[in-house]
Amino acid sequence: MSMPTTLRVIREEHRALKAILQSLHLLIQQGPGENETSFFRSLRAMLFYIDRYPERLHHPKETELLFPKVREKDTGVAEAVSELDHDHEASELAVRQLQLQLLGWEFLGESERLGFVTAFENYKRAYLAHMELEESAIFPSALQHLSTEDWVEIDAAFTSNRDPLTGHHPAEGVFAELFSRIVREAPQPIGLG
């Protein structure tokens, strides 16, 4: 069977998120330097992206469509699905907490930096492990157990994902400026800064 649209979209979105996490890591390591305004604006833009795309678009489709179908057809992945669903709930709260901690660093100063950096590194490590579990446990099971009819339903939902950071879709509407800023100001691998 060729790669279903859903799994292709998820992989592309995982690559985009890994690039954002790496860019965040590099930017944090560089520190604010001479241009604090640009530094914090870039970090806020990337965290906002994570909150709006992976947390509010990507995760719900996995939790509501893909994971239940896979668990229904292959009870052997039930534990992995439970862990992934828990991760989705925890990461939504964690990214919002990171946004607040970043504001603390920006407005209260250097004394807040370590708390943010530690929380971000924990978040990044957990998110990378989460994506690895999806790709190593859920993807093979889905390919083996889901029917053509299952894929038609799930693919219809994932086809509508239009994450500009995958490189396949233009940024549209109010998010056009957000993605322009990320690409313009963030360090590689996601940006030009």
N, C-alpha and C. Protein backbone atom coordinates (compact mmCIF):
# COMPACT_ATOMS: atom_id res chain seq x y z
N MET A 1 0.83 -1.18 0.00
CA MET A 1 0.00 0.00 0.00
C MET A 1 0.88 1.25 0.00
N SER A 2 0.50 2.23 -0.82
CA SER A 2 1.25 3.48 -0.81
C SER A 2 0.94 4.24 0.48
N MET A 3 1.75 5.22 0.78
CA MET A 3 1.59 5.99 2.00
C MET A 3 0.27 6.75 1.97
N PRO A 4 -0.62 6.50 2.92
CA PRO A 4 -1.88 7.25 2.98
C PRO A 4 -1.62 8.74 3.21
N THR A 5 -2.50 9.56 2.69
CA THR A 5 -2.38 11.01 2.83
C THR A 5 -2.19 11.41 4.29
N THR A 6 -2.96 10.83 5.18
CA THR A 6 -2.88 11.17 6.60
C THR A 6 -1.47 11.02 7.14
N LEU A 7 -0.85 9.89 6.87
CA LEU A 7 0.49 9.64 7.40
C LEU A 7 1.52 10.55 6.75
N ARG A 8 1.34 10.86 5.48
CA ARG A 8 2.24 11.80 4.80
C ARG A 8 2.11 13.19 5.43
N VAL A 9 0.87 13.64 5.65
CA VAL A 9 0.64 14.95 6.25
C VAL A 9 1.23 15.00 7.67
N ILE A 10 0.98 13.96 8.45
CA ILE A 10 1.51 13.93 9.82
C ILE A 10 3.04 13.99 9.80
N ARG A 11 3.66 13.22 8.93
CA ARG A 11 5.14 13.24 8.84
C ARG A 11 5.65 14.63 8.46
N GLU A 12 5.00 15.26 7.48
CA GLU A 12 5.40 16.61 7.08
C GLU A 12 5.24 17.60 8.24
N GLU A 13 4.14 17.48 8.96
CA GLU A 13 3.92 18.37 10.09
C GLU A 13 4.89 18.07 11.22
N HIS A 14 5.26 16.82 11.40
CA HIS A 14 6.28 16.48 12.39
C HIS A 14 7.62 17.11 12.00
N ARG A 15 7.98 17.05 10.74
CA ARG A 15 9.24 17.66 10.30
C ARG A 15 9.22 19.17 10.56
N ALA A 16 8.09 19.82 10.26
CA ALA A 16 7.98 21.26 10.50
C ALA A 16 8.10 21.57 11.98
N LEU A 17 7.46 20.76 12.81
CA LEU A 17 7.53 21.00 14.25
C LEU A 17 8.93 20.74 14.79
N LYS A 18 9.59 19.70 14.30
CA LYS A 18 10.98 19.45 14.73
C LYS A 18 11.86 20.64 14.35
N ALA A 19 11.64 21.21 13.17
CA ALA A 19 12.43 22.37 12.74
C ALA A 19 12.15 23.58 13.64
N ILE A 20 10.89 23.78 14.00
CA ILE A 20 10.53 24.89 14.90
C ILE A 20 11.19 24.68 16.27
N LEU A 21 11.12 23.46 16.78
CA LEU A 21 11.74 23.18 18.08
C LEU A 21 13.24 23.40 18.03
N GLN A 22 13.88 22.99 16.94
CA GLN A 22 15.32 23.20 16.79
C GLN A 22 15.65 24.68 16.68
N SER A 23 14.85 25.42 15.92
CA SER A 23 15.07 26.87 15.80
C SER A 23 14.87 27.57 17.14
N LEU A 24 13.84 27.17 17.87
CA LEU A 24 13.63 27.73 19.21
C LEU A 24 14.86 27.45 20.10
N HIS A 25 15.32 26.21 20.07
CA HIS A 25 16.49 25.82 20.86
C HIS A 25 17.70 26.69 20.51
N LEU A 26 17.96 26.84 19.21
CA LEU A 26 19.12 27.63 18.78
C LEU A 26 18.97 29.10 19.16
N LEU A 27 17.78 29.63 18.99
CA LEU A 27 17.55 31.03 19.33
C LEU A 27 17.72 31.26 20.83
N ILE A 28 17.19 30.34 21.63
CA ILE A 28 17.33 30.44 23.09
C ILE A 28 18.80 30.38 23.48
N GLN A 29 19.56 29.49 22.84
CA GLN A 29 20.99 29.37 23.14
C GLN A 29 21.75 30.65 22.78
N GLN A 30 21.34 31.30 21.68
CA GLN A 30 21.99 32.54 21.26
C GLN A 30 21.69 33.67 22.24
N GLY A 31 20.48 33.65 22.79
CA GLY A 31 20.07 34.69 23.72
C GLY A 31 19.66 35.96 23.01
N PRO A 32 19.17 36.92 23.78
CA PRO A 32 18.62 38.13 23.17
C PRO A 32 19.66 39.03 22.52
N GLY A 33 20.88 39.00 22.99
CA GLY A 33 21.91 39.85 22.39
C GLY A 33 21.51 41.31 22.40
N GLU A 34 21.83 42.00 21.31
CA GLU A 34 21.59 43.44 21.20
C GLU A 34 20.13 43.77 20.92
N ASN A 35 19.40 42.83 20.31
CA ASN A 35 18.03 43.15 19.87
C ASN A 35 17.01 42.31 20.64
N GLU A 36 16.75 42.69 21.87
CA GLU A 36 15.81 41.95 22.71
C GLU A 36 14.40 41.93 22.11
N THR A 37 14.00 43.03 21.51
CA THR A 37 12.65 43.11 20.95
C THR A 37 12.44 42.03 19.89
N SER A 38 13.36 41.92 18.96
CA SER A 38 13.26 40.92 17.90
C SER A 38 13.37 39.50 18.47
N PHE A 39 14.25 39.31 19.42
CA PHE A 39 14.46 38.00 20.03
C PHE A 39 13.17 37.48 20.65
N PHE A 40 12.57 38.27 21.53
CA PHE A 40 11.36 37.82 22.20
C PHE A 40 10.18 37.72 21.25
N ARG A 41 10.11 38.63 20.28
CA ARG A 41 9.03 38.56 19.28
C ARG A 41 9.13 37.26 18.49
N SER A 42 10.34 36.85 18.13
CA SER A 42 10.53 35.60 17.39
C SER A 42 10.12 34.39 18.22
N LEU A 43 10.55 34.37 19.48
CA LEU A 43 10.17 33.26 20.35
C LEU A 43 8.66 33.19 20.53
N ARG A 44 8.04 34.35 20.75
CA ARG A 44 6.58 34.38 20.90
C ARG A 44 5.89 33.88 19.64
N ALA A 45 6.38 34.28 18.48
CA ALA A 45 5.77 33.86 17.22
C ALA A 45 5.85 32.34 17.05
N MET A 46 7.00 31.76 17.38
CA MET A 46 7.15 30.31 17.23
C MET A 46 6.29 29.54 18.23
N LEU A 47 6.20 30.02 19.46
CA LEU A 47 5.33 29.36 20.45
C LEU A 47 3.86 29.52 20.06
N PHE A 48 3.51 30.67 19.51
CA PHE A 48 2.14 30.87 19.05
C PHE A 48 1.81 29.90 17.92
N TYR A 49 2.77 29.72 17.00
CA TYR A 49 2.59 28.73 15.92
C TYR A 49 2.29 27.35 16.51
N ILE A 50 3.10 26.93 17.49
CA ILE A 50 2.90 25.60 18.10
C ILE A 50 1.51 25.51 18.72
N ASP A 51 1.10 26.56 19.39
CA ASP A 51 -0.22 26.56 20.01
C ASP A 51 -1.33 26.48 18.96
N ARG A 52 -1.19 27.18 17.87
CA ARG A 52 -2.26 27.26 16.87
C ARG A 52 -2.30 26.10 15.90
N TYR A 53 -1.15 25.59 15.47
CA TYR A 53 -1.18 24.52 14.48
C TYR A 53 -1.11 23.13 15.10
N PRO A 54 0.02 22.73 15.65
CA PRO A 54 0.04 21.36 16.20
C PRO A 54 -0.99 21.13 17.31
N GLU A 55 -1.12 22.07 18.22
CA GLU A 55 -2.02 21.83 19.37
C GLU A 55 -3.49 21.89 19.00
N ARG A 56 -3.88 22.79 18.13
CA ARG A 56 -5.31 22.99 17.85
C ARG A 56 -5.80 22.37 16.55
N LEU A 57 -4.89 22.00 15.67
CA LEU A 57 -5.30 21.42 14.38
C LEU A 57 -4.83 19.98 14.25
N HIS A 58 -3.56 19.75 14.47
CA HIS A 58 -2.93 18.44 14.28
C HIS A 58 -3.39 17.43 15.35
N HIS A 59 -3.22 17.77 16.61
CA HIS A 59 -3.54 16.83 17.69
C HIS A 59 -5.00 16.41 17.73
N PRO A 60 -5.95 17.33 17.63
CA PRO A 60 -7.35 16.88 17.70
C PRO A 60 -7.71 15.85 16.62
N LYS A 61 -7.18 16.00 15.43
CA LYS A 61 -7.50 15.04 14.37
C LYS A 61 -6.90 13.68 14.68
N GLU A 62 -5.72 13.66 15.25
CA GLU A 62 -5.14 12.38 15.64
C GLU A 62 -5.98 11.73 16.74
N THR A 63 -6.29 12.51 17.77
CA THR A 63 -7.02 11.99 18.93
C THR A 63 -8.44 11.57 18.59
N GLU A 64 -9.10 12.32 17.72
CA GLU A 64 -10.51 12.06 17.42
C GLU A 64 -10.72 11.10 16.25
N LEU A 65 -9.76 11.04 15.32
CA LEU A 65 -9.97 10.23 14.11
C LEU A 65 -9.01 9.04 13.99
N LEU A 66 -7.72 9.33 13.98
CA LEU A 66 -6.74 8.28 13.70
C LEU A 66 -6.59 7.29 14.87
N PHE A 67 -6.31 7.79 16.06
CA PHE A 67 -6.02 6.91 17.19
C PHE A 67 -7.18 5.96 17.52
N PRO A 68 -8.44 6.45 17.56
CA PRO A 68 -9.53 5.51 17.89
C PRO A 68 -9.68 4.38 16.87
N LYS A 69 -9.49 4.71 15.58
CA LYS A 69 -9.60 3.67 14.55
C LYS A 69 -8.50 2.63 14.70
N VAL A 70 -7.29 3.11 14.97
CA VAL A 70 -6.16 2.18 15.12
C VAL A 70 -6.37 1.31 16.36
N ARG A 71 -6.79 1.91 17.46
CA ARG A 71 -7.01 1.15 18.70
C ARG A 71 -8.13 0.13 18.51
N GLU A 72 -9.15 0.50 17.79
CA GLU A 72 -10.27 -0.42 17.52
C GLU A 72 -9.82 -1.64 16.74
N LYS A 73 -8.91 -1.46 15.78
CA LYS A 73 -8.47 -2.56 14.92
C LYS A 73 -7.29 -3.33 15.50
N ASP A 74 -6.52 -2.69 16.40
CA ASP A 74 -5.33 -3.32 16.96
C ASP A 74 -5.22 -2.97 18.44
N THR A 75 -5.74 -3.84 19.28
CA THR A 75 -5.72 -3.58 20.72
C THR A 75 -4.30 -3.56 21.29
N GLY A 76 -3.36 -4.06 20.53
CA GLY A 76 -1.97 -4.06 20.97
C GLY A 76 -1.36 -2.66 21.08
N VAL A 77 -2.01 -1.66 20.49
CA VAL A 77 -1.49 -0.29 20.58
C VAL A 77 -2.26 0.55 21.60
N ALA A 78 -3.14 -0.09 22.36
CA ALA A 78 -3.98 0.66 23.31
C ALA A 78 -3.14 1.48 24.29
N GLU A 79 -2.08 0.89 24.81
CA GLU A 79 -1.25 1.61 25.77
C GLU A 79 -0.56 2.81 25.12
N ALA A 80 -0.06 2.61 23.90
CA ALA A 80 0.58 3.72 23.18
C ALA A 80 -0.43 4.83 22.89
N VAL A 81 -1.64 4.46 22.48
CA VAL A 81 -2.67 5.46 22.20
C VAL A 81 -3.01 6.24 23.47
N SER A 82 -3.15 5.54 24.58
CA SER A 82 -3.44 6.23 25.85
C SER A 82 -2.34 7.21 26.21
N GLU A 83 -1.10 6.78 26.03
CA GLU A 83 0.03 7.67 26.32
C GLU A 83 0.03 8.88 25.39
N LEU A 84 -0.24 8.65 24.11
CA LEU A 84 -0.25 9.76 23.14
C LEU A 84 -1.39 10.74 23.42
N ASP A 85 -2.55 10.21 23.75
CA ASP A 85 -3.67 11.09 24.10
C ASP A 85 -3.35 11.93 25.34
N HIS A 86 -2.73 11.29 26.33
CA HIS A 86 -2.31 12.03 27.53
C HIS A 86 -1.30 13.11 27.16
N ASP A 87 -0.36 12.77 26.29
CA ASP A 87 0.63 13.75 25.83
C ASP A 87 -0.06 14.95 25.19
N HIS A 88 -1.09 14.70 24.37
CA HIS A 88 -1.80 15.80 23.72
C HIS A 88 -2.39 16.75 24.75
N GLU A 89 -3.02 16.19 25.76
CA GLU A 89 -3.61 17.02 26.81
C GLU A 89 -2.52 17.81 27.55
N ALA A 90 -1.44 17.15 27.88
CA ALA A 90 -0.36 17.80 28.64
C ALA A 90 0.36 18.85 27.81
N SER A 91 0.57 18.59 26.52
CA SER A 91 1.35 19.54 25.71
C SER A 91 0.58 20.82 25.44
N GLU A 92 -0.74 20.73 25.36
CA GLU A 92 -1.53 21.95 25.16
C GLU A 92 -1.35 22.90 26.35
N LEU A 93 -1.40 22.36 27.53
CA LEU A 93 -1.17 23.17 28.73
C LEU A 93 0.29 23.63 28.80
N ALA A 94 1.21 22.76 28.44
CA ALA A 94 2.64 23.07 28.54
C ALA A 94 3.04 24.22 27.62
N VAL A 95 2.50 24.26 26.40
CA VAL A 95 2.89 25.34 25.50
C VAL A 95 2.34 26.67 26.00
N ARG A 96 1.18 26.65 26.59
CA ARG A 96 0.64 27.90 27.16
C ARG A 96 1.46 28.34 28.36
N GLN A 97 1.90 27.38 29.14
CA GLN A 97 2.77 27.70 30.28
C GLN A 97 4.10 28.28 29.78
N LEU A 98 4.63 27.73 28.70
CA LEU A 98 5.86 28.28 28.12
C LEU A 98 5.66 29.73 27.68
N GLN A 99 4.51 30.02 27.09
CA GLN A 99 4.23 31.38 26.66
C GLN A 99 4.25 32.33 27.86
N LEU A 100 3.66 31.91 28.97
CA LEU A 100 3.67 32.74 30.17
C LEU A 100 5.07 32.88 30.75
N GLN A 101 5.82 31.79 30.76
CA GLN A 101 7.19 31.86 31.28
C GLN A 101 8.07 32.75 30.41
N LEU A 102 7.83 32.73 29.10
CA LEU A 102 8.58 33.61 28.21
C LEU A 102 8.28 35.07 28.53
N LEU A 103 7.01 35.39 28.77
CA LEU A 103 6.66 36.75 29.15
C LEU A 103 7.35 37.13 30.46
N GLY A 104 7.44 36.18 31.38
CA GLY A 104 8.16 36.44 32.63
C GLY A 104 9.61 36.80 32.36
N TRP A 105 10.26 36.05 31.50
CA TRP A 105 11.66 36.35 31.16
C TRP A 105 11.76 37.71 30.50
N GLU A 106 10.87 37.98 29.56
CA GLU A 106 10.92 39.24 28.82
C GLU A 106 10.70 40.44 29.74
N PHE A 107 9.71 40.36 30.62
CA PHE A 107 9.34 41.52 31.41
C PHE A 107 9.97 41.59 32.79
N LEU A 108 10.35 40.45 33.35
CA LEU A 108 10.94 40.45 34.68
C LEU A 108 12.46 40.27 34.65
N GLY A 109 12.97 39.87 33.49
CA GLY A 109 14.41 39.84 33.32
C GLY A 109 15.07 38.48 33.49
N GLU A 110 16.37 38.55 33.57
CA GLU A 110 17.26 37.40 33.54
C GLU A 110 16.95 36.37 34.63
N SER A 111 16.39 36.79 35.75
CA SER A 111 16.08 35.85 36.83
C SER A 111 15.04 34.81 36.40
N GLU A 112 14.29 35.09 35.34
CA GLU A 112 13.25 34.18 34.85
C GLU A 112 13.74 33.28 33.71
N ARG A 113 14.93 33.54 33.24
CA ARG A 113 15.45 32.81 32.06
C ARG A 113 15.57 31.31 32.31
N LEU A 114 16.21 30.92 33.39
CA LEU A 114 16.47 29.50 33.64
C LEU A 114 15.18 28.70 33.71
N GLY A 115 14.16 29.25 34.36
CA GLY A 115 12.88 28.55 34.43
C GLY A 115 12.28 28.30 33.06
N PHE A 116 12.36 29.31 32.19
CA PHE A 116 11.85 29.14 30.83
C PHE A 116 12.68 28.12 30.06
N VAL A 117 13.99 28.25 30.11
CA VAL A 117 14.88 27.37 29.35
C VAL A 117 14.68 25.92 29.79
N THR A 118 14.60 25.68 31.07
CA THR A 118 14.40 24.33 31.59
C THR A 118 13.06 23.77 31.12
N ALA A 119 12.01 24.58 31.23
CA ALA A 119 10.67 24.14 30.80
C ALA A 119 10.66 23.86 29.31
N PHE A 120 11.32 24.71 28.53
CA PHE A 120 11.35 24.48 27.08
C PHE A 120 12.09 23.19 26.74
N GLU A 121 13.24 22.96 27.35
CA GLU A 121 14.00 21.74 27.05
C GLU A 121 13.21 20.49 27.43
N ASN A 122 12.49 20.53 28.54
CA ASN A 122 11.63 19.40 28.91
C ASN A 122 10.51 19.22 27.90
N TYR A 123 9.91 20.31 27.47
CA TYR A 123 8.84 20.27 26.47
C TYR A 123 9.36 19.68 25.16
N LYS A 124 10.50 20.17 24.72
CA LYS A 124 11.09 19.69 23.46
C LYS A 124 11.38 18.20 23.52
N ARG A 125 12.00 17.76 24.61
CA ARG A 125 12.33 16.35 24.77
C ARG A 125 11.06 15.49 24.76
N ALA A 126 10.04 15.92 25.47
CA ALA A 126 8.78 15.17 25.52
C ALA A 126 8.11 15.14 24.15
N TYR A 127 8.14 16.26 23.45
CA TYR A 127 7.48 16.33 22.14
C TYR A 127 8.19 15.44 21.12
N LEU A 128 9.50 15.43 21.13
CA LEU A 128 10.24 14.57 20.21
C LEU A 128 9.96 13.10 20.49
N ALA A 129 9.89 12.72 21.76
CA ALA A 129 9.56 11.34 22.13
C ALA A 129 8.13 11.00 21.70
N HIS A 130 7.24 11.96 21.84
CA HIS A 130 5.85 11.77 21.43
C HIS A 130 5.76 11.47 19.92
N MET A 131 6.43 12.28 19.13
CA MET A 131 6.40 12.07 17.67
C MET A 131 7.02 10.74 17.29
N GLU A 132 8.08 10.37 17.98
CA GLU A 132 8.73 9.08 17.72
C GLU A 132 7.78 7.93 18.02
N LEU A 133 7.04 8.01 19.12
CA LEU A 133 6.09 6.96 19.46
C LEU A 133 4.98 6.86 18.42
N GLU A 134 4.49 7.98 17.97
CA GLU A 134 3.47 7.95 16.91
C GLU A 134 3.99 7.23 15.68
N GLU A 135 5.18 7.61 15.25
CA GLU A 135 5.71 7.06 14.01
C GLU A 135 6.16 5.61 14.15
N SER A 136 6.57 5.21 15.34
CA SER A 136 7.06 3.83 15.51
C SER A 136 5.96 2.85 15.91
N ALA A 137 4.90 3.31 16.56
CA ALA A 137 3.85 2.41 17.02
C ALA A 137 2.56 2.56 16.22
N ILE A 138 2.10 3.78 16.04
CA ILE A 138 0.80 4.01 15.41
C ILE A 138 0.88 3.84 13.89
N PHE A 139 1.89 4.41 13.28
CA PHE A 139 1.97 4.33 11.82
C PHE A 139 2.00 2.88 11.31
N PRO A 140 2.89 2.02 11.83
CA PRO A 140 2.90 0.64 11.33
C PRO A 140 1.57 -0.08 11.57
N SER A 141 0.98 0.12 12.72
CA SER A 141 -0.30 -0.52 13.02
C SER A 141 -1.39 -0.01 12.08
N ALA A 142 -1.41 1.29 11.85
CA ALA A 142 -2.42 1.87 10.95
C ALA A 142 -2.26 1.31 9.54
N LEU A 143 -1.03 1.24 9.06
CA LEU A 143 -0.78 0.69 7.72
C LEU A 143 -1.22 -0.77 7.63
N GLN A 144 -1.03 -1.50 8.69
CA GLN A 144 -1.36 -2.92 8.67
C GLN A 144 -2.86 -3.18 8.85
N HIS A 145 -3.52 -2.40 9.68
CA HIS A 145 -4.88 -2.76 10.10
C HIS A 145 -6.02 -1.92 9.53
N LEU A 146 -5.76 -0.71 9.10
CA LEU A 146 -6.86 0.13 8.62
C LEU A 146 -7.24 -0.22 7.19
N SER A 147 -8.53 -0.18 6.93
CA SER A 147 -9.04 -0.52 5.60
C SER A 147 -9.02 0.71 4.70
N THR A 148 -9.24 0.48 3.43
CA THR A 148 -9.33 1.58 2.47
C THR A 148 -10.43 2.55 2.88
N GLU A 149 -11.54 2.04 3.37
CA GLU A 149 -12.65 2.90 3.81
C GLU A 149 -12.23 3.74 5.02
N ASP A 150 -11.47 3.15 5.94
CA ASP A 150 -10.97 3.91 7.09
C ASP A 150 -10.11 5.08 6.62
N TRP A 151 -9.22 4.78 5.68
CA TRP A 151 -8.30 5.82 5.19
C TRP A 151 -9.05 6.93 4.47
N VAL A 152 -10.08 6.60 3.72
CA VAL A 152 -10.84 7.63 3.01
C VAL A 152 -11.37 8.66 4.00
N GLU A 153 -11.96 8.18 5.08
CA GLU A 153 -12.53 9.08 6.11
C GLU A 153 -11.44 9.92 6.79
N ILE A 154 -10.38 9.27 7.21
CA ILE A 154 -9.32 9.98 7.93
C ILE A 154 -8.57 10.93 6.99
N ASP A 155 -8.27 10.46 5.78
CA ASP A 155 -7.56 11.30 4.81
C ASP A 155 -8.33 12.57 4.48
N ALA A 156 -9.65 12.47 4.42
CA ALA A 156 -10.47 13.65 4.11
C ALA A 156 -10.23 14.75 5.14
N ALA A 157 -10.09 14.38 6.39
CA ALA A 157 -9.86 15.37 7.44
C ALA A 157 -8.44 15.94 7.37
N PHE A 158 -7.45 15.08 7.20
CA PHE A 158 -6.06 15.55 7.21
C PHE A 158 -5.68 16.30 5.94
N THR A 159 -6.37 16.06 4.85
CA THR A 159 -6.09 16.77 3.61
C THR A 159 -6.32 18.26 3.78
N SER A 160 -7.22 18.64 4.69
CA SER A 160 -7.52 20.05 4.88
C SER A 160 -6.44 20.79 5.68
N ASN A 161 -5.49 20.08 6.28
CA ASN A 161 -4.40 20.74 7.00
C ASN A 161 -3.56 21.53 6.01
N ARG A 162 -3.25 22.75 6.36
CA ARG A 162 -2.51 23.64 5.47
C ARG A 162 -1.38 24.35 6.21
N ASP A 163 -0.54 23.58 6.86
CA ASP A 163 0.55 24.15 7.63
C ASP A 163 1.59 24.73 6.68
N PRO A 164 1.76 26.05 6.66
CA PRO A 164 2.73 26.66 5.74
C PRO A 164 4.17 26.24 5.99
N LEU A 165 4.49 25.85 7.22
CA LEU A 165 5.88 25.49 7.52
C LEU A 165 6.27 24.12 6.96
N THR A 166 5.31 23.39 6.40
CA THR A 166 5.68 22.14 5.72
C THR A 166 6.29 22.43 4.36
N GLY A 167 6.10 23.65 3.86
CA GLY A 167 6.63 24.03 2.56
C GLY A 167 5.69 23.73 1.41
N HIS A 168 4.49 23.22 1.70
CA HIS A 168 3.56 22.84 0.64
C HIS A 168 2.37 23.78 0.50
N HIS A 169 2.22 24.73 1.44
CA HIS A 169 1.04 25.58 1.43
C HIS A 169 1.43 27.01 1.75
N PRO A 170 0.80 27.97 1.08
CA PRO A 170 1.09 29.37 1.41
C PRO A 170 0.43 29.76 2.73
N ALA A 171 1.03 30.71 3.42
CA ALA A 171 0.40 31.25 4.63
C ALA A 171 -0.72 32.17 4.18
N GLU A 172 -1.86 32.04 4.84
CA GLU A 172 -3.02 32.80 4.42
C GLU A 172 -3.61 33.58 5.58
N GLY A 173 -4.35 34.62 5.23
CA GLY A 173 -5.10 35.39 6.22
C GLY A 173 -4.22 36.00 7.27
N VAL A 174 -4.74 36.00 8.50
CA VAL A 174 -4.03 36.64 9.61
C VAL A 174 -2.71 35.94 9.93
N PHE A 175 -2.55 34.70 9.48
CA PHE A 175 -1.32 33.97 9.79
C PHE A 175 -0.20 34.27 8.80
N ALA A 176 -0.49 34.97 7.72
CA ALA A 176 0.55 35.29 6.73
C ALA A 176 1.70 36.06 7.38
N GLU A 177 1.38 37.08 8.17
CA GLU A 177 2.42 37.87 8.83
C GLU A 177 3.18 37.04 9.86
N LEU A 178 2.47 36.17 10.59
CA LEU A 178 3.13 35.31 11.58
C LEU A 178 4.19 34.45 10.91
N PHE A 179 3.83 33.80 9.82
CA PHE A 179 4.78 32.91 9.15
C PHE A 179 5.89 33.68 8.46
N SER A 180 5.58 34.85 7.94
CA SER A 180 6.63 35.69 7.37
C SER A 180 7.65 36.06 8.44
N ARG A 181 7.14 36.42 9.62
CA ARG A 181 8.03 36.80 10.72
C ARG A 181 8.89 35.61 11.14
N ILE A 182 8.29 34.44 11.27
CA ILE A 182 9.05 33.26 11.69
C ILE A 182 10.16 32.97 10.68
N VAL A 183 9.81 32.96 9.41
CA VAL A 183 10.80 32.65 8.38
C VAL A 183 11.88 33.73 8.31
N ARG A 184 11.48 34.97 8.47
CA ARG A 184 12.41 36.10 8.36
C ARG A 184 13.36 36.16 9.56
N GLU A 185 12.86 35.89 10.76
CA GLU A 185 13.64 36.15 11.96
C GLU A 185 14.21 34.92 12.66
N ALA A 186 13.58 33.78 12.48
CA ALA A 186 14.05 32.58 13.19
C ALA A 186 15.33 32.06 12.58
N PRO A 187 16.17 31.42 13.41
CA PRO A 187 17.37 30.79 12.85
C PRO A 187 17.02 29.56 12.02
N GLN A 188 17.98 29.12 11.23
CA GLN A 188 17.79 27.88 10.50
C GLN A 188 17.62 26.74 11.51
N PRO A 189 16.91 25.69 11.23
CA PRO A 189 16.46 25.22 9.92
C PRO A 189 15.14 25.79 9.45
N ILE A 190 14.43 26.58 10.27
CA ILE A 190 13.12 27.04 9.86
C ILE A 190 13.17 28.41 9.20
N GLY A 191 14.12 29.23 9.60
CA GLY A 191 14.13 30.61 9.13
C GLY A 191 15.43 31.00 8.47
N LEU A 192 15.49 32.28 8.16
CA LEU A 192 16.64 32.83 7.47
C LEU A 192 17.52 33.65 8.39
N GLY A 193 17.01 33.92 9.61
CA GLY A 193 17.68 34.82 10.55
C GLY A 193 18.98 34.26 11.09
